[in-house]
Amino acid sequence: MNERDTYPGLPSTYTPRVHGAEVTAVARVGAGMVRVTLGGPEMSDYPTTGIGDEYVRLFFPDEPDEHVRLPFVAGRGWDYPEGVEPSVMRTYTIRAHRPGSVDVDFVSHEGGVAAAWAAQARVGQRVGLTPPIALYDRPSWARRQVLLADEPALPAALRIAELTGAAIETTVIAEVPTSEHQLGVKAIGIHPAYVWLRGSGNGRAPSALVSALRRANIDQETYVWVAGETRLTRDARKYLRHERRLAGEAYKCVGYWTDHAEEWEARYEQLGKEFHDRLDALYASEGDAEEIADQISEMYETAGL
């Protein structure tokens, strides 16, 4: 399998590579987001899947004004030449795509490499980004969709609504700190319904997202997309699969970040080689995807992750 096969939905003429990008604009979006526009000569052919939750790996320099060391594409991953120290990497979704440039929205918060970089971002600074990969996959039978997101996932939920809202009835359920953090769809003629969950989740308080999912109008013609903190998306998937007994194609649950990540990483490392090898084998297996996801979730939960 070549690199092009691992990036579905991109133009057949495009050869996947890691693009160097320059900051061309920075703007505050609402009370809690910084929007960074990335462009420049190396972005002239940057592709899009055309799907709202497409995500990329962003590579950051050691210092904001320094050169960023870029890897090369290796399958769906990446690698560096021997002797080159890897750059810090984080995963983000594309908020908007235009020929030659993209927008990426960063949640403003204390701590974190990407948030700190975005807080000081200036025109001319450089990062790298991989080609995009999409996850949203609404089945043809769906007549309505419910998109649930916490603040880090809100840019993807809004872009999904913008790109699909003309074709399907859409409800956005979003967990935000305050009303000043509420961001809506800007596309002309697209008017999703909104349910705002203010003050819960987002690492500040217990999440209300799964409770809202339980109250949502979900029937056999509804597609459900959930993105947010990893543990709550596992809970959402458990509800949809095991309580509602929906088919796997009827939902997509994606973990975007992990609360108390350092504690999670420390616990994960303590579990040892046998646990890690078993988990790696499950991720690499080719059986029923939903059954494999059940086994992975059970391993995480049993281990307290």
C-alpha atoms as a PDB file:
ATOM      1  CA  MET A   1       0.000   0.000   0.000  1.00  0.00           C
ATOM      2  CA  ASN A   2       1.455   3.377  -0.972  1.00  0.00           C
ATOM      3  CA  GLU A   3       1.029   6.680   0.836  1.00  0.00           C
ATOM      4  CA  ARG A   4      -1.801   7.816  -1.419  1.00  0.00           C
ATOM      5  CA  ASP A   5      -3.877   4.768  -0.405  1.00  0.00           C
ATOM      6  CA  THR A   6      -3.581   5.725   3.275  1.00  0.00           C
ATOM      7  CA  TYR A   7      -5.089   9.187   2.692  1.00  0.00           C
ATOM      8  CA  PRO A   8      -8.548   8.437   1.244  1.00  0.00           C
ATOM      9  CA  GLY A   9     -10.625  11.170  -0.295  1.00  0.00           C
ATOM     10  CA  LEU A  10      -7.725  13.239  -1.622  1.00  0.00           C
ATOM     11  CA  PRO A  11      -7.172  14.041  -5.316  1.00  0.00           C
ATOM     12  CA  SER A  12      -5.525  11.224  -7.260  1.00  0.00           C
ATOM     13  CA  THR A  13      -2.971  13.700  -8.596  1.00  0.00           C
ATOM     14  CA  TYR A  14      -1.783  14.655  -5.125  1.00  0.00           C
ATOM     15  CA  THR A  15       1.283  12.984  -3.609  1.00  0.00           C
ATOM     16  CA  PRO A  16       1.060  13.015   0.209  1.00  0.00           C
ATOM     17  CA  ARG A  17       3.768  14.951   2.007  1.00  0.00           C
ATOM     18  CA  VAL A  18       4.263  17.070   5.108  1.00  0.00           C
ATOM     19  CA  HIS A  19       3.717  20.707   4.141  1.00  0.00           C
ATOM     20  CA  GLY A  20       5.606  23.626   5.579  1.00  0.00           C
ATOM     21  CA  ALA A  21       3.185  26.477   6.311  1.00  0.00           C
ATOM     22  CA  GLU A  22       3.484  30.134   7.249  1.00  0.00           C
ATOM     23  CA  VAL A  23       1.159  32.009   9.552  1.00  0.00           C
ATOM     24  CA  THR A  24      -0.637  34.531   7.349  1.00  0.00           C
ATOM     25  CA  ALA A  25      -3.276  35.799   9.818  1.00  0.00           C
ATOM     26  CA  VAL A  26      -4.297  35.481  13.465  1.00  0.00           C
ATOM     27  CA  ALA A  27      -7.735  36.361  14.876  1.00  0.00           C
ATOM     28  CA  ARG A  28      -9.666  35.958  18.107  1.00  0.00           C
ATOM     29  CA  VAL A  29     -12.895  33.989  17.634  1.00  0.00           C
ATOM     30  CA  GLY A  30     -15.359  34.404  20.472  1.00  0.00           C
ATOM     31  CA  ALA A  31     -14.054  34.382  24.027  1.00  0.00           C
ATOM     32  CA  GLY A  32     -12.167  31.109  23.858  1.00  0.00           C
ATOM     33  CA  MET A  33     -10.627  30.502  20.434  1.00  0.00           C
ATOM     34  CA  VAL A  34      -7.644  31.737  18.462  1.00  0.00           C
ATOM     35  CA  ARG A  35      -7.911  31.220  14.697  1.00  0.00           C
ATOM     36  CA  VAL A  36      -4.605  30.845  12.884  1.00  0.00           C
ATOM     37  CA  THR A  37      -4.532  30.961   9.080  1.00  0.00           C
ATOM     38  CA  LEU A  38      -1.747  28.913   7.495  1.00  0.00           C
ATOM     39  CA  GLY A  39      -0.600  29.472   3.932  1.00  0.00           C
ATOM     40  CA  GLY A  40       2.495  30.221   1.906  1.00  0.00           C
ATOM     41  CA  PRO A  41       4.139  28.714  -1.184  1.00  0.00           C
ATOM     42  CA  GLU A  42       4.302  25.150   0.169  1.00  0.00           C
ATOM     43  CA  MET A  43       0.534  25.185   0.737  1.00  0.00           C
ATOM     44  CA  SER A  44      -0.355  25.932  -2.891  1.00  0.00           C
ATOM     45  CA  ASP A  45      -1.597  22.364  -3.476  1.00  0.00           C
ATOM     46  CA  TYR A  46      -2.687  21.528   0.052  1.00  0.00           C
ATOM     47  CA  PRO A  47      -5.665  19.171  -0.351  1.00  0.00           C
ATOM     48  CA  THR A  48      -8.961  18.599   1.427  1.00  0.00           C
ATOM     49  CA  THR A  49     -11.215  15.580   1.803  1.00  0.00           C
ATOM     50  CA  GLY A  50     -14.180  17.944   1.764  1.00  0.00           C
ATOM     51  CA  ILE A  51     -15.361  16.447   5.074  1.00  0.00           C
ATOM     52  CA  GLY A  52     -15.859  18.661   8.106  1.00  0.00           C
ATOM     53  CA  ASP A  53     -13.889  16.809  10.765  1.00  0.00           C
ATOM     54  CA  GLU A  54     -10.737  16.198   8.737  1.00  0.00           C
ATOM     55  CA  TYR A  55      -7.753  16.279  11.066  1.00  0.00           C
ATOM     56  CA  VAL A  56      -4.040  16.856  10.659  1.00  0.00           C
ATOM     57  CA  ARG A  57      -0.845  16.544  12.666  1.00  0.00           C
ATOM     58  CA  LEU A  58       0.761  19.918  13.340  1.00  0.00           C
ATOM     59  CA  PHE A  59       4.524  20.098  13.933  1.00  0.00           C
ATOM     60  CA  PHE A  60       5.865  22.993  15.997  1.00  0.00           C
ATOM     61  CA  PRO A  61       9.349  24.524  16.233  1.00  0.00           C
ATOM     62  CA  ASP A  62      11.310  24.437  19.491  1.00  0.00           C
ATOM     63  CA  GLU A  63      10.857  28.215  19.728  1.00  0.00           C
ATOM     64  CA  PRO A  64       8.120  30.129  17.882  1.00  0.00           C
ATOM     65  CA  ASP A  65      10.427  32.066  15.578  1.00  0.00           C
ATOM     66  CA  GLU A  66      12.764  29.165  14.831  1.00  0.00           C
ATOM     67  CA  HIS A  67      12.773  26.793  11.878  1.00  0.00           C
ATOM     68  CA  VAL A  68      10.513  23.749  12.291  1.00  0.00           C
ATOM     69  CA  ARG A  69      11.990  20.319  11.580  1.00  0.00           C
ATOM     70  CA  LEU A  70       9.617  18.502   9.227  1.00  0.00           C
ATOM     71  CA  PRO A  71       9.256  14.726   8.946  1.00  0.00           C
ATOM     72  CA  PHE A  72       8.456  12.776   5.810  1.00  0.00           C
ATOM     73  CA  VAL A  73       5.265  10.798   5.209  1.00  0.00           C
ATOM     74  CA  ALA A  74       5.515   7.075   5.985  1.00  0.00           C
ATOM     75  CA  GLY A  75       2.185   5.375   5.314  1.00  0.00           C
ATOM     76  CA  ARG A  76      -0.398   7.154   7.432  1.00  0.00           C
ATOM     77  CA  GLY A  77       2.341   8.120   9.874  1.00  0.00           C
ATOM     78  CA  TRP A  78       5.591   9.979   9.525  1.00  0.00           C
ATOM     79  CA  ASP A  79       9.301   9.605  10.251  1.00  0.00           C
ATOM     80  CA  TYR A  80      12.472  11.672  10.421  1.00  0.00           C
ATOM     81  CA  PRO A  81      15.865  11.190   8.813  1.00  0.00           C
ATOM     82  CA  GLU A  82      18.359   9.471  11.078  1.00  0.00           C
ATOM     83  CA  GLY A  83      19.831  11.846  13.619  1.00  0.00           C
ATOM     84  CA  VAL A  84      17.058  14.461  13.356  1.00  0.00           C
ATOM     85  CA  GLU A  85      15.272  15.229  16.609  1.00  0.00           C
ATOM     86  CA  PRO A  86      11.476  14.974  16.128  1.00  0.00           C
ATOM     87  CA  SER A  87       9.479  18.181  16.430  1.00  0.00           C
ATOM     88  CA  VAL A  88       6.672  18.484  18.950  1.00  0.00           C
ATOM     89  CA  MET A  89       3.417  17.317  17.354  1.00  0.00           C
ATOM     90  CA  ARG A  90      -0.254  17.848  18.187  1.00  0.00           C
ATOM     91  CA  THR A  91      -3.479  16.857  16.392  1.00  0.00           C
ATOM     92  CA  TYR A  92      -6.020  19.462  15.239  1.00  0.00           C
ATOM     93  CA  THR A  93      -8.956  19.692  12.850  1.00  0.00           C
ATOM     94  CA  ILE A  94      -9.185  22.020   9.884  1.00  0.00           C
ATOM     95  CA  ARG A  95     -11.794  24.708  10.506  1.00  0.00           C
ATOM     96  CA  ALA A  96     -11.806  25.994   6.919  1.00  0.00           C
ATOM     97  CA  HIS A  97     -10.033  25.159   3.674  1.00  0.00           C
ATOM     98  CA  ARG A  98      -9.373  27.481   0.774  1.00  0.00           C
ATOM     99  CA  PRO A  99      -7.025  26.972  -2.166  1.00  0.00           C
ATOM    100  CA  GLY A 100      -3.580  27.618  -0.730  1.00  0.00           C
ATOM    101  CA  SER A 101      -4.560  28.096   2.918  1.00  0.00           C
ATOM    102  CA  VAL A 102      -6.402  26.649   5.892  1.00  0.00           C
ATOM    103  CA  ASP A 103      -7.759  27.926   9.211  1.00  0.00           C
ATOM    104  CA  VAL A 104      -7.074  26.069  12.458  1.00  0.00           C
ATOM    105  CA  ASP A 105      -8.897  27.041  15.661  1.00  0.00           C
ATOM    106  CA  PHE A 106      -7.065  26.638  18.981  1.00  0.00           C
ATOM    107  CA  VAL A 107      -8.832  26.666  22.342  1.00  0.00           C
ATOM    108  CA  SER A 108      -7.260  29.265  24.633  1.00  0.00           C
ATOM    109  CA  HIS A 109      -6.131  27.663  27.894  1.00  0.00           C
ATOM    110  CA  GLU A 110      -3.213  27.562  30.277  1.00  0.00           C
ATOM    111  CA  GLY A 111      -0.521  25.016  29.542  1.00  0.00           C
ATOM    112  CA  GLY A 112      -0.001  22.934  26.436  1.00  0.00           C
ATOM    113  CA  VAL A 113       2.449  23.401  23.582  1.00  0.00           C
ATOM    114  CA  ALA A 114      -0.140  24.181  20.915  1.00  0.00           C
ATOM    115  CA  ALA A 115      -2.207  26.579  23.039  1.00  0.00           C
ATOM    116  CA  ALA A 116       0.925  28.465  24.082  1.00  0.00           C
ATOM    117  CA  TRP A 117       2.080  28.698  20.479  1.00  0.00           C
ATOM    118  CA  ALA A 118      -1.311  29.937  19.262  1.00  0.00           C
ATOM    119  CA  ALA A 119      -1.473  32.560  22.029  1.00  0.00           C
ATOM    120  CA  GLN A 120       1.653  34.246  20.674  1.00  0.00           C
ATOM    121  CA  ALA A 121       1.262  33.340  16.967  1.00  0.00           C
ATOM    122  CA  ARG A 122       2.440  36.012  14.556  1.00  0.00           C
ATOM    123  CA  VAL A 123       2.492  36.372  10.795  1.00  0.00           C
ATOM    124  CA  GLY A 124       5.559  34.742   9.298  1.00  0.00           C
ATOM    125  CA  GLN A 125       6.046  32.011  11.884  1.00  0.00           C
ATOM    126  CA  ARG A 126       6.157  28.458  10.524  1.00  0.00           C
ATOM    127  CA  VAL A 127       4.721  25.058  11.361  1.00  0.00           C
ATOM    128  CA  GLY A 128       4.286  21.817   9.450  1.00  0.00           C
ATOM    129  CA  LEU A 129       1.152  19.801   8.763  1.00  0.00           C
ATOM    130  CA  THR A 130       0.298  16.419   7.330  1.00  0.00           C
ATOM    131  CA  PRO A 131      -2.380  15.782   4.718  1.00  0.00           C
ATOM    132  CA  PRO A 132      -5.890  15.571   6.221  1.00  0.00           C
ATOM    133  CA  ILE A 133      -7.794  12.452   7.257  1.00  0.00           C
ATOM    134  CA  ALA A 134     -11.570  12.504   7.826  1.00  0.00           C
ATOM    135  CA  LEU A 135     -13.697  10.448  10.231  1.00  0.00           C
ATOM    136  CA  TYR A 136     -17.293  11.684   9.798  1.00  0.00           C
ATOM    137  CA  ASP A 137     -19.121   9.118   7.671  1.00  0.00           C
ATOM    138  CA  ARG A 138     -22.872   9.718   7.553  1.00  0.00           C
ATOM    139  CA  PRO A 139     -24.779   6.798   5.994  1.00  0.00           C
ATOM    140  CA  SER A 140     -27.066   7.440   3.046  1.00  0.00           C
ATOM    141  CA  TRP A 141     -30.168   6.434   4.995  1.00  0.00           C
ATOM    142  CA  ALA A 142     -29.774   9.167   7.636  1.00  0.00           C
ATOM    143  CA  ARG A 143     -32.457  11.867   7.588  1.00  0.00           C
ATOM    144  CA  ARG A 144     -31.134  13.879  10.546  1.00  0.00           C
ATOM    145  CA  GLN A 145     -27.907  14.194  12.488  1.00  0.00           C
ATOM    146  CA  VAL A 146     -26.920  15.141  16.020  1.00  0.00           C
ATOM    147  CA  LEU A 147     -23.430  16.540  16.499  1.00  0.00           C
ATOM    148  CA  LEU A 148     -22.134  16.580  20.084  1.00  0.00           C
ATOM    149  CA  ALA A 149     -18.901  18.362  20.990  1.00  0.00           C
ATOM    150  CA  ASP A 150     -17.024  19.934  23.841  1.00  0.00           C
ATOM    151  CA  GLU A 151     -15.042  23.111  23.198  1.00  0.00           C
ATOM    152  CA  PRO A 152     -11.979  21.523  21.500  1.00  0.00           C
ATOM    153  CA  ALA A 153     -14.284  19.633  19.115  1.00  0.00           C
ATOM    154  CA  LEU A 154     -16.623  22.557  18.405  1.00  0.00           C
ATOM    155  CA  PRO A 155     -14.709  23.777  15.305  1.00  0.00           C
ATOM    156  CA  ALA A 156     -15.147  20.363  13.676  1.00  0.00           C
ATOM    157  CA  ALA A 157     -18.831  20.157  14.616  1.00  0.00           C
ATOM    158  CA  LEU A 158     -19.511  23.586  13.127  1.00  0.00           C
ATOM    159  CA  ARG A 159     -17.665  22.797   9.922  1.00  0.00           C
ATOM    160  CA  ILE A 160     -19.589  19.526   9.559  1.00  0.00           C
ATOM    161  CA  ALA A 161     -22.804  21.513   9.964  1.00  0.00           C
ATOM    162  CA  GLU A 162     -21.676  24.084   7.403  1.00  0.00           C
ATOM    163  CA  LEU A 163     -20.784  21.437   4.814  1.00  0.00           C
ATOM    164  CA  THR A 164     -23.811  19.170   5.320  1.00  0.00           C
ATOM    165  CA  GLY A 165     -26.555  21.292   6.875  1.00  0.00           C
ATOM    166  CA  ALA A 166     -28.190  22.071   3.549  1.00  0.00           C
ATOM    167  CA  ALA A 167     -28.801  18.362   2.974  1.00  0.00           C
ATOM    168  CA  ILE A 168     -29.843  17.106   6.389  1.00  0.00           C
ATOM    169  CA  GLU A 169     -31.613  18.324   9.537  1.00  0.00           C
ATOM    170  CA  THR A 170     -28.847  19.103  12.032  1.00  0.00           C
ATOM    171  CA  THR A 171     -28.656  19.638  15.780  1.00  0.00           C
ATOM    172  CA  VAL A 172     -25.439  20.809  17.443  1.00  0.00           C
ATOM    173  CA  ILE A 173     -25.085  20.045  21.158  1.00  0.00           C
ATOM    174  CA  ALA A 174     -22.002  21.784  22.526  1.00  0.00           C
ATOM    175  CA  GLU A 175     -20.383  22.082  25.930  1.00  0.00           C
ATOM    176  CA  VAL A 176     -18.854  25.552  26.435  1.00  0.00           C
ATOM    177  CA  PRO A 177     -17.597  27.511  29.462  1.00  0.00           C
ATOM    178  CA  THR A 178     -19.949  30.507  29.078  1.00  0.00           C
ATOM    179  CA  SER A 179     -22.353  32.072  26.610  1.00  0.00           C
ATOM    180  CA  GLU A 180     -19.455  34.192  25.322  1.00  0.00           C
ATOM    181  CA  HIS A 181     -17.815  30.975  24.078  1.00  0.00           C
ATOM    182  CA  GLN A 182     -20.789  30.028  21.908  1.00  0.00           C
ATOM    183  CA  LEU A 183     -19.857  29.984  18.236  1.00  0.00           C
ATOM    184  CA  GLY A 184     -22.347  29.367  15.462  1.00  0.00           C
ATOM    185  CA  VAL A 185     -22.373  28.349  11.830  1.00  0.00           C
ATOM    186  CA  LYS A 186     -21.587  31.214   9.453  1.00  0.00           C
ATOM    187  CA  ALA A 187     -22.571  29.581   6.165  1.00  0.00           C
ATOM    188  CA  ILE A 188     -25.408  31.363   4.378  1.00  0.00           C
ATOM    189  CA  GLY A 189     -28.661  29.410   4.468  1.00  0.00           C
ATOM    190  CA  ILE A 190     -27.459  26.847   7.045  1.00  0.00           C
ATOM    191  CA  HIS A 191     -29.428  27.012  10.301  1.00  0.00           C
ATOM    192  CA  PRO A 192     -28.797  24.102  12.666  1.00  0.00           C
ATOM    193  CA  ALA A 193     -30.563  23.839  16.002  1.00  0.00           C
ATOM    194  CA  TYR A 194     -28.267  24.517  18.960  1.00  0.00           C
ATOM    195  CA  VAL A 195     -28.256  23.149  22.488  1.00  0.00           C
ATOM    196  CA  TRP A 196     -25.645  24.929  24.611  1.00  0.00           C
ATOM    197  CA  LEU A 197     -24.361  23.240  27.770  1.00  0.00           C
ATOM    198  CA  ARG A 198     -22.728  26.079  29.670  1.00  0.00           C
ATOM    199  CA  GLY A 199     -20.233  25.637  32.494  1.00  0.00           C
ATOM    200  CA  SER A 200     -19.814  21.869  32.380  1.00  0.00           C
ATOM    201  CA  GLY A 201     -16.999  19.689  31.092  1.00  0.00           C
ATOM    202  CA  ASN A 202     -13.912  20.963  29.266  1.00  0.00           C
ATOM    203  CA  GLY A 203     -11.714  20.029  32.218  1.00  0.00           C
ATOM    204  CA  ARG A 204     -13.469  22.591  34.435  1.00  0.00           C
ATOM    205  CA  ALA A 205     -16.413  20.612  35.835  1.00  0.00           C
ATOM    206  CA  PRO A 206     -18.159  17.248  35.376  1.00  0.00           C
ATOM    207  CA  SER A 207     -19.372  16.816  31.818  1.00  0.00           C
ATOM    208  CA  ALA A 208     -23.053  16.960  30.877  1.00  0.00           C
ATOM    209  CA  LEU A 209     -22.510  15.823  27.292  1.00  0.00           C
ATOM    210  CA  VAL A 210     -23.521  12.169  27.701  1.00  0.00           C
ATOM    211  CA  SER A 211     -26.591  13.207  29.722  1.00  0.00           C
ATOM    212  CA  ALA A 212     -27.549  15.507  26.847  1.00  0.00           C
ATOM    213  CA  LEU A 213     -27.010  12.638  24.421  1.00  0.00           C
ATOM    214  CA  ARG A 214     -29.465  10.533  26.415  1.00  0.00           C
ATOM    215  CA  ARG A 215     -32.073  13.288  26.107  1.00  0.00           C
ATOM    216  CA  ALA A 216     -31.503  13.896  22.404  1.00  0.00           C
ATOM    217  CA  ASN A 217     -34.046  12.929  19.766  1.00  0.00           C
ATOM    218  CA  ILE A 218     -32.336   9.891  18.244  1.00  0.00           C
ATOM    219  CA  ASP A 219     -34.280   7.415  16.141  1.00  0.00           C
ATOM    220  CA  GLN A 220     -33.469   4.864  13.448  1.00  0.00           C
ATOM    221  CA  GLU A 221     -32.928   7.619  10.875  1.00  0.00           C
ATOM    222  CA  THR A 222     -30.443   9.641  12.978  1.00  0.00           C
ATOM    223  CA  TYR A 223     -26.669   9.755  12.589  1.00  0.00           C
ATOM    224  CA  VAL A 224     -24.795  10.669  15.773  1.00  0.00           C
ATOM    225  CA  TRP A 225     -21.303  12.208  15.836  1.00  0.00           C
ATOM    226  CA  VAL A 226     -19.642  12.699  19.226  1.00  0.00           C
ATOM    227  CA  ALA A 227     -16.212  14.244  19.786  1.00  0.00           C
ATOM    228  CA  GLY A 228     -14.531  15.426  22.945  1.00  0.00           C
ATOM    229  CA  GLU A 229     -12.665  14.174  25.993  1.00  0.00           C
ATOM    230  CA  THR A 230     -11.640  10.548  25.525  1.00  0.00           C
ATOM    231  CA  ARG A 231     -13.426   9.005  28.493  1.00  0.00           C
ATOM    232  CA  LEU A 232     -16.732  10.734  27.802  1.00  0.00           C
ATOM    233  CA  THR A 233     -16.677   9.643  24.145  1.00  0.00           C
ATOM    234  CA  ARG A 234     -16.180   6.062  25.332  1.00  0.00           C
ATOM    235  CA  ASP A 235     -19.234   6.492  27.586  1.00  0.00           C
ATOM    236  CA  ALA A 236     -21.185   7.931  24.658  1.00  0.00           C
ATOM    237  CA  ARG A 237     -20.274   4.994  22.447  1.00  0.00           C
ATOM    238  CA  LYS A 238     -21.252   2.509  25.161  1.00  0.00           C
ATOM    239  CA  TYR A 239     -24.663   4.157  25.408  1.00  0.00           C
ATOM    240  CA  LEU A 240     -25.250   4.211  21.650  1.00  0.00           C
ATOM    241  CA  ARG A 241     -24.035   0.671  21.009  1.00  0.00           C
ATOM    242  CA  HIS A 242     -25.106  -1.244  24.102  1.00  0.00           C
ATOM    243  CA  GLU A 243     -28.120   0.654  25.442  1.00  0.00           C
ATOM    244  CA  ARG A 244     -29.623   2.031  22.247  1.00  0.00           C
ATOM    245  CA  ARG A 245     -28.264  -0.899  20.198  1.00  0.00           C
ATOM    246  CA  LEU A 246     -27.576   1.250  17.169  1.00  0.00           C
ATOM    247  CA  ALA A 247     -25.667  -0.172  14.222  1.00  0.00           C
ATOM    248  CA  GLY A 248     -22.017   0.801  14.050  1.00  0.00           C
ATOM    249  CA  GLU A 249     -22.594   2.933  10.949  1.00  0.00           C
ATOM    250  CA  ALA A 250     -25.143   5.040  12.864  1.00  0.00           C
ATOM    251  CA  TYR A 251     -22.561   6.780  15.051  1.00  0.00           C
ATOM    252  CA  LYS A 252     -18.983   8.001  15.260  1.00  0.00           C
ATOM    253  CA  CYS A 253     -17.349   8.670  18.638  1.00  0.00           C
ATOM    254  CA  VAL A 254     -13.919  10.281  18.614  1.00  0.00           C
ATOM    255  CA  GLY A 255     -11.659  11.114  21.537  1.00  0.00           C
ATOM    256  CA  TYR A 256     -10.024  14.506  20.955  1.00  0.00           C
ATOM    257  CA  TRP A 257      -8.140  14.960  24.226  1.00  0.00           C
ATOM    258  CA  THR A 258      -7.632  13.387  27.651  1.00  0.00           C
ATOM    259  CA  ASP A 259      -8.324  15.136  30.927  1.00  0.00           C
ATOM    260  CA  HIS A 260      -5.377  14.969  33.355  1.00  0.00           C
ATOM    261  CA  ALA A 261      -3.259  13.640  30.504  1.00  0.00           C
ATOM    262  CA  GLU A 262      -0.032  13.423  32.514  1.00  0.00           C
ATOM    263  CA  GLU A 263      -1.670  11.207  35.115  1.00  0.00           C
ATOM    264  CA  TRP A 264      -3.169   9.094  32.310  1.00  0.00           C
ATOM    265  CA  GLU A 265       0.239   8.681  30.650  1.00  0.00           C
ATOM    266  CA  ALA A 266       1.885   7.699  33.940  1.00  0.00           C
ATOM    267  CA  ARG A 267      -0.781   5.082  34.604  1.00  0.00           C
ATOM    268  CA  TYR A 268      -0.498   3.763  31.046  1.00  0.00           C
ATOM    269  CA  GLU A 269       3.269   3.334  31.321  1.00  0.00           C
ATOM    270  CA  GLN A 270       2.906   1.421  34.594  1.00  0.00           C
ATOM    271  CA  LEU A 271       0.757  -1.240  32.938  1.00  0.00           C
ATOM    272  CA  GLY A 272       3.744  -2.867  31.279  1.00  0.00           C
ATOM    273  CA  LYS A 273       4.617  -4.692  28.093  1.00  0.00           C
ATOM    274  CA  GLU A 274       1.934  -7.394  28.193  1.00  0.00           C
ATOM    275  CA  PHE A 275      -0.856  -4.814  28.357  1.00  0.00           C
ATOM    276  CA  HIS A 276       0.734  -2.659  25.645  1.00  0.00           C
ATOM    277  CA  ASP A 277       1.319  -5.629  23.322  1.00  0.00           C
ATOM    278  CA  ARG A 278      -2.258  -6.826  23.708  1.00  0.00           C
ATOM    279  CA  LEU A 279      -3.587  -3.348  23.009  1.00  0.00           C
ATOM    280  CA  ASP A 280      -1.334  -2.972  19.942  1.00  0.00           C
ATOM    281  CA  ALA A 281      -2.543  -6.335  18.636  1.00  0.00           C
ATOM    282  CA  LEU A 282      -6.171  -5.235  18.959  1.00  0.00           C
ATOM    283  CA  TYR A 283      -5.512  -1.968  17.132  1.00  0.00           C
ATOM    284  CA  ALA A 284      -3.798  -3.917  14.335  1.00  0.00           C
ATOM    285  CA  SER A 285      -6.425  -6.667  14.050  1.00  0.00           C
ATOM    286  CA  GLU A 286      -8.844  -6.859  11.121  1.00  0.00           C
ATOM    287  CA  GLY A 287     -11.963  -8.305  12.733  1.00  0.00           C
ATOM    288  CA  ASP A 288     -15.303  -6.617  13.376  1.00  0.00           C
ATOM    289  CA  ALA A 289     -14.420  -2.983  14.125  1.00  0.00           C
ATOM    290  CA  GLU A 290     -17.123  -2.510  16.764  1.00  0.00           C
ATOM    291  CA  GLU A 291     -16.253  -5.695  18.621  1.00  0.00           C
ATOM    292  CA  ILE A 292     -12.597  -4.682  18.617  1.00  0.00           C
ATOM    293  CA  ALA A 293     -13.556  -1.252  19.942  1.00  0.00           C
ATOM    294  CA  ASP A 294     -15.510  -2.981  22.738  1.00  0.00           C
ATOM    295  CA  GLN A 295     -12.433  -4.963  23.750  1.00  0.00           C
ATOM    296  CA  ILE A 296     -10.201  -1.902  23.667  1.00  0.00           C
ATOM    297  CA  SER A 297     -12.657   0.103  25.774  1.00  0.00           C
ATOM    298  CA  GLU A 298     -12.916  -2.722  28.300  1.00  0.00           C
ATOM    299  CA  MET A 299      -9.135  -2.851  28.611  1.00  0.00           C
ATOM    300  CA  TYR A 300      -8.930   0.875  29.227  1.00  0.00           C
ATOM    301  CA  GLU A 301     -11.756   0.881  31.755  1.00  0.00           C
ATOM    302  CA  THR A 302     -10.440  -2.145  33.660  1.00  0.00           C
ATOM    303  CA  ALA A 303      -7.053  -0.459  33.862  1.00  0.00           C
ATOM    304  CA  GLY A 304      -8.597   2.766  35.143  1.00  0.00           C
ATOM    305  CA  LEU A 305      -7.657   4.736  32.029  1.00  0.00           C
END
